[in-house]
């Protein structure tokens, strides 16, 4: 079965770039018609979709974050990554990677603080 695991720093300073990696096991990131996505949940708030990447490297981002977000794949490592630039404390959240929003990683806490 497909499993996802997020990794990356738990603390990022304001104005820096948040970089997270999702490692996929039990399935290939090159599978057709799959959306590999990043979703976050700020403290006390609901889930927020950040963006997705497909098997053809098409990317889609939520409008409010589009100017600061980049999602890419590394097929040799079966991973996909999130980069969020110019972070502020409002980007503090638990970040999840998902496969079609059906299979989820366990989530990783990212805190933006100096």
Protein backbone atom coordinates (compact mmCIF):
# COMPACT_ATOMS: atom_id res chain seq x y z
CA UNK A 1 0.00 0.00 0.00
CA UNK A 2 1.08 3.55 -0.66
CA UNK A 3 2.58 5.42 2.25
CA UNK A 4 3.72 9.03 2.46
CA UNK A 5 6.22 10.59 4.83
CA UNK A 6 6.94 14.29 5.21
CA UNK A 7 10.37 15.56 6.22
CA UNK A 8 11.96 18.92 6.73
CA UNK A 9 12.91 21.49 9.36
CA UNK A 10 10.45 22.10 12.15
CA UNK A 11 11.52 25.71 12.66
CA UNK A 12 11.97 28.35 9.99
CA UNK A 13 12.80 32.01 10.51
CA UNK A 14 10.61 34.74 9.06
CA UNK A 15 11.46 35.76 5.48
CA UNK A 16 13.25 32.47 4.84
CA UNK A 17 12.14 29.59 2.61
CA UNK A 18 10.25 26.61 3.97
CA UNK A 19 11.26 23.39 2.21
CA UNK A 20 9.52 20.08 2.81
CA UNK A 21 9.92 16.71 1.12
CA UNK A 22 7.36 13.95 0.81
CA UNK A 23 8.78 10.48 0.28
CA UNK A 24 6.43 8.01 -1.39
CA UNK A 25 6.71 4.28 -0.75
CA UNK A 26 4.63 1.38 -1.99
CA UNK A 27 3.80 3.14 -5.24
CA UNK A 28 5.34 5.21 -7.98
CA UNK A 29 5.16 8.98 -8.19
CA UNK A 30 5.05 8.55 -11.97
CA UNK A 31 1.64 6.87 -11.89
CA UNK A 32 -0.86 8.44 -14.27
CA UNK A 33 -3.82 10.55 -13.17
CA UNK A 34 -2.56 11.07 -9.65
CA UNK A 35 -2.51 14.40 -7.87
CA UNK A 36 0.28 14.73 -5.33
CA UNK A 37 -0.64 17.55 -3.01
CA UNK A 38 0.41 19.62 -0.05
CA UNK A 39 -2.17 20.66 2.52
CA UNK A 40 -1.66 22.50 5.78
CA UNK A 41 -3.58 23.16 8.96
CA UNK A 42 -2.72 26.27 10.97
CA UNK A 43 -3.37 26.08 14.72
CA UNK A 44 -7.05 26.38 15.49
CA UNK A 45 -8.02 26.53 11.82
CA UNK A 46 -9.19 24.19 9.10
CA UNK A 47 -7.30 22.44 6.35
CA UNK A 48 -5.92 24.58 3.56
CA UNK A 49 -4.92 23.18 0.18
CA UNK A 50 -1.56 24.62 -0.89
CA UNK A 51 -1.03 23.01 -4.28
CA UNK A 52 -0.65 19.88 -6.36
CA UNK A 53 1.55 18.31 -9.00
CA UNK A 54 0.56 15.64 -11.50
CA UNK A 55 2.36 12.82 -13.28
CA UNK A 56 3.03 15.20 -16.18
CA UNK A 57 4.50 17.85 -13.86
CA UNK A 58 1.51 20.14 -14.22
CA UNK A 59 1.22 22.24 -11.09
CA UNK A 60 -1.72 23.97 -9.45
CA UNK A 61 -1.60 26.37 -6.52
CA UNK A 62 -4.09 28.07 -4.29
CA UNK A 63 -4.29 31.71 -5.44
CA UNK A 64 -3.39 33.26 -2.09
CA UNK A 65 -0.07 31.37 -1.96
CA UNK A 66 0.73 31.01 -5.65
CA UNK A 67 3.32 33.80 -5.77
CA UNK A 68 5.35 32.18 -2.96
CA UNK A 69 4.89 28.47 -3.72
CA UNK A 70 6.68 25.91 -5.83
CA UNK A 71 6.00 22.17 -5.97
CA UNK A 72 8.27 19.79 -7.86
CA UNK A 73 9.00 16.08 -8.23
CA UNK A 74 12.15 13.98 -8.09
CA UNK A 75 11.22 10.78 -9.86
CA UNK A 76 14.61 9.19 -9.17
CA UNK A 77 13.91 9.42 -5.44
CA UNK A 78 10.13 8.95 -5.65
CA UNK A 79 9.67 12.24 -3.81
CA UNK A 80 7.90 15.53 -4.27
CA UNK A 81 8.79 18.76 -2.56
CA UNK A 82 7.22 21.99 -1.38
CA UNK A 83 8.97 25.32 -1.27
CA UNK A 84 7.24 28.28 0.33
CA UNK A 85 9.17 31.53 0.12
CA UNK A 86 9.18 34.58 2.37
CA UNK A 87 7.44 32.85 5.23
CA UNK A 88 5.76 34.70 8.10
CA UNK A 89 4.40 33.44 11.43
CA UNK A 90 1.06 33.00 9.65
CA UNK A 91 2.63 30.08 7.77
CA UNK A 92 2.98 28.16 11.03
CA UNK A 93 1.00 24.95 10.57
CA UNK A 94 1.03 21.19 10.37
CA UNK A 95 1.92 20.37 6.78
CA UNK A 96 0.62 17.22 5.11
CA UNK A 97 1.42 15.58 1.79
CA UNK A 98 -1.30 13.53 0.15
CA UNK A 99 -2.00 11.26 -2.81
CA UNK A 100 -5.31 12.34 -4.28
CA UNK A 101 -6.29 13.48 -0.77
CA UNK A 102 -6.98 9.81 -0.03
CA UNK A 103 -3.61 8.71 1.32
CA UNK A 104 -2.04 11.13 3.78
CA UNK A 105 1.29 11.46 5.47
CA UNK A 106 1.32 11.80 9.24
CA UNK A 107 2.01 15.52 8.99
CA UNK A 108 4.91 17.61 10.14
CA UNK A 109 4.78 20.68 12.37
CA UNK A 110 6.45 23.77 10.96
CA UNK A 111 6.83 26.83 13.15
CA UNK A 112 7.88 30.18 11.73
CA UNK A 113 9.60 32.17 14.42
CA UNK A 114 12.75 34.14 15.00
